[in-house]
Protein backbone atom coordinates (compact mmCIF):
# COMPACT_ATOMS: atom_id res chain seq x y z
CA MET A 1 -37.44 14.78 1.02
CA ASN A 2 -40.01 14.99 -1.34
CA ASP A 3 -42.22 11.90 -1.51
CA GLY A 4 -45.12 13.15 -3.37
CA ILE A 5 -46.99 12.08 -6.69
CA GLN A 6 -44.18 13.75 -8.74
CA LEU A 7 -41.50 11.63 -7.28
CA GLU A 8 -43.77 8.50 -7.38
CA LYS A 9 -44.62 9.38 -11.24
CA ARG A 10 -40.38 9.56 -11.92
CA VAL A 11 -39.11 6.86 -9.99
CA THR A 12 -40.95 3.93 -12.04
CA ASP A 13 -38.28 1.05 -11.31
CA PRO A 14 -36.82 1.71 -7.94
CA GLU A 15 -34.31 0.14 -6.85
CA ILE A 16 -35.33 -0.50 -3.30
CA PRO A 17 -38.48 0.67 -1.73
CA TYR A 18 -38.88 4.14 -0.69
CA ASP A 19 -38.83 3.26 3.08
CA GLU A 20 -36.09 1.53 2.99
CA PHE A 21 -34.06 4.62 1.36
CA LYS A 22 -35.53 6.67 3.80
CA GLY A 23 -34.55 4.83 6.69
CA ARG A 24 -31.25 4.03 5.35
CA ILE A 25 -30.51 8.19 5.47
CA GLU A 26 -31.68 8.40 8.95
CA ARG A 27 -29.36 5.67 10.26
CA THR A 28 -26.72 7.24 7.99
CA LYS A 29 -27.26 11.01 9.45
CA LYS A 30 -26.93 9.93 12.91
CA MET A 31 -24.11 7.20 12.37
CA MET A 32 -22.06 10.42 10.41
CA ALA A 33 -23.10 12.47 13.70
CA GLU A 34 -21.23 10.28 15.73
CA SER A 35 -18.01 9.78 13.68
CA GLY A 36 -17.51 13.53 13.69
CA LEU A 37 -18.16 13.47 9.73
CA ASP A 38 -20.46 16.29 8.05
CA GLY A 39 -20.90 14.06 5.01
CA LEU A 40 -19.70 11.07 2.78
CA LEU A 41 -18.11 10.73 -0.53
CA LEU A 42 -18.41 7.43 -1.67
CA PHE A 43 -16.94 5.94 -5.33
CA ASN A 44 -17.43 2.13 -4.32
CA PRO A 45 -20.27 0.86 -6.27
CA LYS A 46 -21.54 -1.07 -3.49
CA ASN A 47 -21.48 2.00 -1.39
CA VAL A 48 -23.23 4.35 -3.91
CA TYR A 49 -26.07 1.32 -4.15
CA TYR A 50 -26.39 1.22 -0.71
CA TYR A 51 -26.52 5.01 0.18
CA SER A 52 -28.02 6.18 -3.08
CA GLY A 53 -30.17 3.59 -4.37
CA PHE A 54 -28.24 4.09 -7.58
CA ARG A 55 -27.04 0.28 -9.00
CA ARG A 56 -24.87 0.60 -12.44
CA THR A 57 -26.54 -1.34 -15.07
CA TRP A 58 -22.78 -2.35 -16.34
CA THR A 59 -19.45 -2.60 -15.22
CA LEU A 60 -18.17 0.49 -16.84
CA GLU A 61 -14.70 1.96 -15.84
CA TRP A 62 -16.17 5.90 -15.74
CA PRO A 63 -16.10 7.15 -12.05
CA GLN A 64 -19.31 7.61 -10.39
CA CYS A 65 -20.08 8.12 -6.91
CA CYS A 66 -22.89 9.40 -4.34
CA VAL A 67 -22.51 12.32 -1.91
CA VAL A 68 -24.34 12.55 1.39
CA ASN A 69 -24.54 15.42 4.01
CA SER A 70 -25.48 15.92 7.79
CA LYS A 71 -29.50 17.03 6.17
CA GLY A 72 -29.71 13.67 4.48
CA GLU A 73 -29.68 15.12 0.71
CA VAL A 74 -27.67 12.87 -1.27
CA ALA A 75 -26.61 13.34 -4.64
CA VAL A 76 -25.25 11.06 -7.53
CA ILE A 77 -22.36 11.60 -10.28
CA THR A 78 -22.86 9.70 -13.28
CA PRO A 79 -21.96 9.51 -16.79
CA GLN A 80 -24.31 10.98 -19.30
CA ILE A 81 -25.54 7.54 -20.72
CA LEU A 82 -26.87 6.70 -17.17
CA GLU A 83 -28.52 9.52 -16.62
CA GLU A 84 -31.88 8.65 -16.74
CA TYR A 85 -31.63 5.67 -15.38
CA ALA A 86 -30.23 7.02 -11.91
CA CYS A 87 -33.55 9.42 -12.35
CA SER A 88 -36.42 6.16 -13.07
CA SER A 89 -34.07 3.89 -10.52
CA THR A 90 -33.33 6.37 -7.08
CA TRP A 91 -35.59 8.10 -4.87
CA LEU A 92 -33.37 11.17 -4.98
CA GLU A 93 -34.03 14.72 -5.73
CA ARG A 94 -34.01 15.62 -9.60
CA ASP A 95 -31.22 18.58 -8.87
CA LEU A 96 -29.17 16.14 -7.17
CA ILE A 97 -28.42 13.75 -9.97
CA GLN A 98 -25.53 15.34 -11.79
CA ALA A 99 -24.55 13.54 -14.90
CA TYR A 100 -21.08 14.42 -16.48
CA GLY A 101 -19.85 13.71 -20.49
CA GLY A 102 -21.85 13.08 -23.60
CA SER A 103 -21.81 15.50 -26.41
CA LYS A 104 -21.73 19.04 -26.12
CA TYR A 105 -25.63 19.05 -26.75
CA TRP A 106 -26.43 18.28 -22.92
CA GLY A 107 -24.45 21.00 -21.72
CA LEU A 108 -22.77 19.16 -19.09
CA PRO A 109 -19.32 19.14 -17.51
CA GLN A 110 -17.10 17.07 -19.50
CA ASP A 111 -14.44 16.27 -16.71
CA PRO A 112 -15.95 14.08 -13.65
CA ILE A 113 -13.76 15.75 -11.20
CA THR A 114 -15.50 19.16 -11.96
CA ALA A 115 -18.89 17.45 -11.49
CA VAL A 116 -18.31 15.90 -8.01
CA VAL A 117 -16.26 19.28 -6.48
CA ASP A 118 -19.52 21.21 -7.87
CA VAL A 119 -21.64 18.25 -5.93
CA ILE A 120 -19.80 18.92 -2.85
CA LYS A 121 -19.94 22.51 -3.21
CA LYS A 122 -24.00 22.70 -3.92
CA LEU A 123 -24.29 20.32 -0.55
CA GLY A 124 -22.26 22.71 1.50
CA LEU A 125 -19.65 20.33 2.55
CA GLU A 126 -16.77 22.93 0.51
CA ASN A 127 -15.40 23.34 4.27
CA LYS A 128 -16.68 20.83 6.09
CA THR A 129 -15.39 17.13 7.36
CA ILE A 130 -15.91 14.55 4.79
CA GLY A 131 -15.81 10.40 4.99
CA VAL A 132 -14.22 8.63 2.25
CA GLU A 133 -13.02 4.77 1.37
CA THR A 134 -9.16 5.24 2.28
CA GLY A 135 -9.22 3.12 4.88
CA SER A 136 -9.82 -0.91 5.63
CA PRO A 137 -10.74 -3.58 5.08
CA THR A 138 -12.08 -4.92 1.59
CA ILE A 139 -13.52 -1.11 0.12
CA PRO A 140 -11.83 0.06 -2.28
CA MET A 141 -12.27 3.94 -3.63
CA MET A 142 -12.91 3.12 -6.95
CA LEU A 143 -10.97 6.09 -8.31
CA ALA A 144 -7.57 6.60 -9.60
CA PHE A 145 -5.49 8.19 -7.11
CA ASP A 146 -4.32 11.17 -9.23
CA ASN A 147 -8.50 12.16 -9.31
CA TYR A 148 -8.49 11.93 -5.76
CA VAL A 149 -5.70 14.40 -5.56
CA LYS A 150 -7.42 16.80 -7.96
CA ILE A 151 -10.36 16.64 -5.37
CA THR A 152 -9.08 17.36 -2.32
CA ASN A 153 -6.29 20.21 -4.04
CA GLN A 154 -9.75 21.92 -5.47
CA LEU A 155 -11.26 21.90 -1.85
CA PRO A 156 -8.54 22.96 0.19
CA LYS A 157 -10.63 23.77 3.01
CA ALA A 158 -12.48 20.56 3.20
CA THR A 159 -10.80 17.86 5.42
CA PHE A 160 -11.22 14.40 4.24
CA LYS A 161 -11.47 11.73 6.65
CA ASP A 162 -11.50 8.07 6.84
CA ALA A 163 -15.38 6.44 6.90
CA ILE A 164 -14.81 2.96 6.60
CA LYS A 165 -15.29 1.72 9.77
CA MET A 166 -18.79 4.00 10.10
CA ILE A 167 -19.39 2.45 6.88
CA TRP A 168 -19.19 -1.14 7.64
CA SER A 169 -20.49 -0.45 11.51
CA GLN A 170 -23.52 -0.03 9.52
CA ARG A 171 -23.91 -2.11 6.75
CA MET A 172 -23.25 -5.54 8.87
CA ILE A 173 -26.72 -4.73 10.43
CA LYS A 174 -29.05 -5.68 7.70
CA SER A 175 -32.58 -3.90 7.41
CA PRO A 176 -35.54 -6.42 7.48
CA TRP A 177 -35.56 -5.55 3.60
CA GLU A 178 -32.06 -6.89 2.96
CA GLN A 179 -32.45 -9.96 5.44
CA ASP A 180 -35.80 -11.16 3.04
CA ILE A 181 -33.21 -10.65 -0.10
CA MET A 182 -30.45 -12.79 1.38
CA ARG A 183 -33.08 -15.61 2.47
CA LYS A 184 -33.92 -15.51 -1.51
CA VAL A 185 -31.03 -15.56 -2.84
CA VAL A 186 -29.57 -18.34 -0.55
CA ALA A 187 -32.73 -20.46 -1.32
CA ILE A 188 -31.46 -20.21 -5.11
CA THR A 189 -28.44 -21.15 -4.29
CA ILE A 190 -29.13 -23.81 -2.45
CA LYS A 191 -31.49 -24.69 -5.02
CA GLY A 192 -28.89 -24.77 -7.64
CA TRP A 193 -25.91 -26.73 -5.17
CA LYS A 194 -28.83 -29.34 -4.90
CA ASN A 195 -29.91 -29.05 -8.70
CA CYS A 196 -26.07 -30.09 -9.41
CA ILE A 197 -25.59 -32.93 -7.37
CA GLU A 198 -28.79 -34.73 -8.46
CA LYS A 199 -27.88 -34.72 -11.73
CA ALA A 200 -24.09 -35.37 -10.97
CA HIS A 201 -22.86 -38.51 -12.51
CA VAL A 202 -19.48 -40.55 -13.78
CA GLY A 203 -18.58 -38.48 -16.74
CA ILE A 204 -20.10 -35.67 -16.75
CA THR A 205 -17.88 -32.22 -16.76
CA GLU A 206 -17.32 -29.44 -14.32
CA ARG A 207 -18.81 -27.19 -16.71
CA GLU A 208 -21.33 -29.37 -17.33
CA LEU A 209 -22.50 -29.00 -13.92
CA LEU A 210 -21.53 -25.25 -14.10
CA LYS A 211 -24.30 -25.09 -16.37
CA ILE A 212 -27.03 -27.02 -14.50
CA CYS A 213 -25.95 -24.35 -11.93
CA TRP A 214 -26.32 -21.60 -13.54
CA GLN A 215 -29.26 -22.59 -15.58
CA THR A 216 -30.82 -23.54 -12.30
CA PHE A 217 -30.33 -19.89 -10.69
CA ILE A 218 -31.72 -17.71 -13.71
CA ASP A 219 -34.82 -20.17 -13.79
CA GLU A 220 -35.21 -19.10 -9.92
CA GLY A 221 -34.90 -15.42 -11.25
CA ALA A 222 -31.15 -14.61 -10.29
CA TYR A 223 -29.85 -12.84 -13.59
CA ASP A 224 -29.98 -9.18 -13.90
CA THR A 225 -27.55 -6.62 -15.68
CA PRO A 226 -24.76 -7.32 -15.57
CA MET A 227 -24.75 -10.81 -14.17
CA GLN A 228 -23.09 -11.29 -11.03
CA GLY A 229 -22.78 -14.42 -9.16
CA ASP A 230 -19.59 -16.19 -7.94
CA VAL A 231 -19.52 -20.05 -8.44
CA MET A 232 -16.34 -21.90 -7.95
CA PHE A 233 -15.59 -25.64 -7.87
CA ARG A 234 -12.82 -27.36 -5.82
CA GLY A 235 -11.50 -30.95 -6.10
CA GLY A 236 -12.97 -32.85 -8.90
CA ALA A 237 -11.45 -33.10 -12.08
CA THR A 238 -8.55 -31.10 -10.20
CA PRO A 239 -6.26 -31.24 -7.66
CA PHE A 240 -7.67 -31.44 -3.71
CA ASN A 241 -5.28 -28.59 -3.04
CA MET A 242 -8.03 -25.84 -2.46
CA ALA A 243 -6.73 -24.21 -5.37
CA THR A 244 -9.91 -22.08 -6.74
CA PRO A 245 -9.43 -22.82 -10.62
CA ARG A 246 -12.50 -22.35 -12.96
CA PRO A 247 -14.49 -25.02 -14.02
CA VAL A 248 -12.67 -27.14 -16.64
CA ASP A 249 -13.95 -29.60 -19.76
CA ARG A 250 -12.68 -32.81 -18.15
CA PRO A 251 -14.99 -35.30 -16.93
CA LEU A 252 -15.46 -36.52 -13.15
CA LEU A 253 -14.16 -39.68 -12.47
CA LYS A 254 -15.49 -42.66 -9.88
CA GLY A 255 -13.75 -41.84 -6.30
CA THR A 256 -13.59 -38.19 -6.64
CA GLN A 257 -14.85 -35.08 -4.55
CA MET A 258 -16.25 -31.60 -5.04
CA PHE A 259 -17.51 -29.11 -3.64
CA PHE A 260 -19.36 -25.88 -4.81
CA ASP A 261 -18.32 -22.41 -2.94
CA GLY A 262 -19.90 -18.91 -3.62
CA GLY A 263 -23.92 -18.59 -4.92
CA ALA A 264 -26.22 -16.38 -7.03
CA SER A 265 -26.68 -13.24 -6.82
CA LEU A 266 -30.25 -11.06 -6.03
CA LYS A 267 -30.55 -7.21 -6.43
CA GLY A 268 -27.10 -7.16 -5.74
CA TYR A 269 -26.98 -8.87 -2.96
CA CYS A 270 -24.61 -12.33 -2.38
CA CYS A 271 -24.27 -15.60 -1.44
CA ASP A 272 -21.14 -17.31 -0.18
CA CYS A 273 -22.20 -21.25 0.78
CA GLN A 274 -20.86 -24.85 0.34
CA ARG A 275 -21.77 -28.20 -0.06
CA GLN A 276 -19.57 -31.04 -1.20
CA PHE A 277 -20.22 -34.47 -2.95
CA SER A 278 -18.16 -37.63 -3.83
CA ILE A 279 -18.49 -39.64 -6.58
CA GLY A 280 -18.44 -43.57 -5.57
CA LYS A 281 -17.56 -44.11 -1.82
CA PRO A 282 -15.42 -42.04 -0.53
CA SER A 283 -12.55 -43.47 1.24
CA ASP A 284 -12.49 -44.12 4.98
CA LEU A 285 -9.69 -40.83 5.61
CA GLN A 286 -12.30 -38.71 3.38
CA ASN A 287 -15.06 -39.70 5.64
CA ARG A 288 -13.20 -39.15 8.62
CA LEU A 289 -11.96 -35.63 7.80
CA VAL A 290 -15.63 -34.60 7.24
CA GLU A 291 -16.04 -35.99 10.65
CA VAL A 292 -13.77 -33.41 11.93
CA SER A 293 -14.87 -30.48 9.84
CA GLU A 294 -18.80 -31.50 11.22
CA ALA A 295 -17.54 -31.61 14.45
CA GLY A 296 -15.91 -28.01 14.38
CA MET A 297 -19.30 -26.69 12.89
CA LEU A 298 -21.39 -27.75 15.91
CA ALA A 299 -18.86 -26.22 18.08
CA ALA A 300 -18.92 -22.89 15.94
CA GLU A 301 -22.60 -22.75 16.04
CA GLY A 302 -22.71 -23.05 19.73
CA ALA A 303 -20.96 -19.91 19.77
CA ILE A 304 -23.20 -18.08 17.34
CA LYS A 305 -25.31 -16.10 19.91
CA PRO A 306 -25.90 -12.30 20.38
CA GLY A 307 -23.90 -10.77 23.09
CA ASN A 308 -20.48 -12.86 22.03
CA ARG A 309 -17.77 -11.79 20.45
CA ILE A 310 -16.89 -12.86 16.67
CA SER A 311 -13.35 -14.17 18.04
CA ASP A 312 -15.91 -16.69 20.15
CA ILE A 313 -17.09 -18.44 16.98
CA HIS A 314 -13.68 -18.68 15.97
CA LYS A 315 -11.87 -20.27 19.24
CA ALA A 316 -14.81 -22.70 19.70
CA ALA A 317 -13.87 -24.28 16.09
CA MET A 318 -10.27 -24.15 17.01
CA LYS A 319 -10.75 -26.17 19.91
CA VAL A 320 -11.79 -29.17 17.65
CA ILE A 321 -9.14 -28.96 14.43
CA ASP A 322 -6.49 -26.47 15.93
CA ASN A 323 -4.76 -29.79 17.46
CA VAL A 324 -5.17 -32.86 14.61
CA PRO A 325 -6.22 -36.21 15.95
CA SER A 326 -4.32 -39.37 16.52
CA ASP A 327 -5.68 -41.37 14.04
CA LEU A 328 -5.25 -38.56 11.25
CA LYS A 329 -1.83 -37.94 12.56
CA LYS A 330 -0.66 -41.80 11.99
CA GLN A 331 -2.47 -41.13 8.06
CA GLY A 332 -0.05 -38.60 7.82
CA VAL A 333 -2.00 -35.94 7.69
CA ASP A 334 -0.02 -33.30 9.58
CA PHE A 335 -2.50 -29.94 9.64
CA ILE A 336 -6.19 -29.49 8.58
CA TYR A 337 -6.93 -25.86 8.05
CA SER A 338 -5.26 -23.78 5.32
CA HIS A 339 -6.63 -20.22 6.42
CA THR A 340 -6.59 -18.24 9.79
CA PHE A 341 -10.34 -17.03 9.40
CA MET A 342 -13.44 -19.11 9.42
CA GLY A 343 -15.87 -16.85 7.64
CA HIS A 344 -17.04 -13.35 7.87
CA SER A 345 -19.96 -11.39 7.14
CA GLU A 346 -22.38 -11.64 4.16
CA GLY A 347 -24.00 -8.99 2.20
CA LEU A 348 -23.69 -6.48 -0.77
CA HIS A 349 -19.87 -8.18 -0.87
CA ILE A 350 -19.73 -11.59 -1.01
CA HIS A 351 -17.00 -11.54 2.05
CA GLU A 352 -17.81 -8.73 3.94
CA TRP A 353 -16.50 -7.32 7.53
CA PRO A 354 -16.41 -8.52 10.33
CA TRP A 355 -14.20 -11.48 9.29
CA ILE A 356 -14.45 -14.63 11.80
CA THR A 357 -10.56 -14.49 13.19
CA GLY A 358 -9.42 -14.91 16.67
CA ASP A 359 -8.62 -11.48 17.66
CA GLU A 360 -11.92 -9.63 16.18
CA GLU A 361 -13.33 -8.03 19.11
CA GLN A 362 -16.82 -7.13 17.25
CA ILE A 363 -19.75 -7.78 19.59
CA ILE A 364 -22.59 -10.47 17.85
CA GLN A 365 -25.77 -8.26 17.34
CA PRO A 366 -29.14 -9.13 15.70
CA GLY A 367 -29.43 -8.49 12.09
CA MET A 368 -26.37 -9.43 10.99
CA ILE A 369 -25.52 -12.25 8.79
CA LEU A 370 -22.53 -14.26 9.41
CA ALA A 371 -21.14 -17.27 6.54
CA VAL A 372 -19.44 -20.11 8.98
CA GLU A 373 -16.55 -22.44 7.21
CA ILE A 374 -15.17 -24.82 8.94
CA PRO A 375 -12.68 -27.13 7.32
CA ALA A 376 -10.60 -30.06 7.70
CA LEU A 377 -7.98 -30.58 4.76
CA ASP A 378 -5.48 -33.40 3.74
CA ILE A 379 -2.63 -30.92 4.23
CA PRO A 380 0.21 -31.43 3.09
CA GLN A 381 -0.76 -34.66 0.66
CA PHE A 382 -4.19 -33.56 -0.41
CA ARG A 383 -5.17 -37.08 -1.45
CA VAL A 384 -8.59 -36.59 -0.80
CA LEU A 385 -10.64 -33.41 -0.77
CA GLY A 386 -12.08 -33.45 3.00
CA GLY A 387 -14.27 -31.68 5.03
CA PHE A 388 -15.39 -27.70 4.25
CA PRO A 389 -18.84 -26.88 5.29
CA GLU A 390 -20.00 -23.25 5.10
CA ASP A 391 -23.39 -22.44 6.18
CA ILE A 392 -25.22 -18.89 6.54
CA TYR A 393 -26.74 -17.51 9.98
CA LEU A 394 -28.87 -14.09 10.12
CA ILE A 395 -28.61 -13.20 14.13
CA THR A 396 -31.62 -12.91 15.96
CA GLU A 397 -33.01 -11.51 19.44
CA ASN A 398 -32.27 -14.80 20.95
CA GLY A 399 -29.63 -16.64 18.40
CA TYR A 400 -29.64 -17.47 14.64
CA GLU A 401 -31.44 -18.47 11.87
CA GLN A 402 -29.91 -20.84 9.66
CA LEU A 403 -30.73 -19.72 6.23
CA THR A 404 -28.84 -22.55 4.33
CA ALA A 405 -30.84 -24.83 6.22
CA GLY A 406 -32.88 -26.25 2.96
CA LEU A 407 -30.00 -28.30 2.01
CA GLU A 408 -28.55 -30.92 4.61
CA ARG A 409 -24.99 -30.18 5.52
CA LYS A 410 -23.24 -33.58 4.85
CA GLN A 411 -20.98 -35.38 2.30
CA TYR A 412 -23.58 -36.26 -0.83
CA ILE A 413 -22.83 -39.20 -2.40
CA VAL A 414 -23.07 -40.01 -6.40
CA GLU A 415 -23.66 -43.51 -7.02
């Protein structure tokens, strides 16, 4: 890897620091060897970014990918229009940035598949075992199936093997640099939620609150190309049935509840946390459901420890919410949770593996970032919003750091 003056002059706008990139690739080499892989062929933009440092600047549909071999050499294949940016934003060797397309002036291969196959051969992988994104969960290959078949047909001596398990095993442990990015994006999100709560009032619309939220994110530096972030409102002017509609122009009325879900994005990293408020005094039923969800959260937090299993978090919460308290049953509440997972990991995807389910045996490890969300809903009537907080935890050597501690977990009352 050339880290001399020439490389430093070329990489004027690096997406990630050099030491971060180098550390990732050293870990990748080790994990590929342990997984029986000689290389990786990755098309999902999040994986391309993680393993090569190349983050696309717009949501184009043209194929782009990265290839990694066992020596730690990394190549990117990108449309010609993004070639120069790949040069100035990644720590890759110049001859491993392969463009395709453009006019005949550039003399580039017009077919992206030809470019991909040529790079695989250049990195000595044409008769090796190559890890690809054909498994689950969550990371789609982002390549047309017929194009994948073309690649495999042109490399008859190569073996293609699913690498999703290896990828998640690496990405679930966040580096100190990633941890710092996550702290920042969570802090920005919390400021957005806080600003929305402070400026909420009877008559304001959800879209007006959305504008306040996004303006806060922008003011705090969470804007980018392409613009990213996931902001979802539930309740408010829409039914309380956990539907996930877009914010609407109808005004919020006294007596309604609403919560914010999701968050900002910073350097490609996502935030997913929830806070809620009520306009005017909430009903006794609403307050009781908030109490139950808080009890579930406290139980879940007690299980967030290195060495425990992810399922321990789920089981701890379920001891609280699996059986509806008798006083709620008398009020017509038959069930209080609407889905079976109680959270997930967090990072470049807003939902990452492992998911917090009752059968997830993954061991909790330092460096993981978990979003925990424990509901207590009014099912089946949905007369009120209920409780549904979500907090984000960075696992440490001795426990956790709650990244969302900057905005108290409670039901806020807006008069």
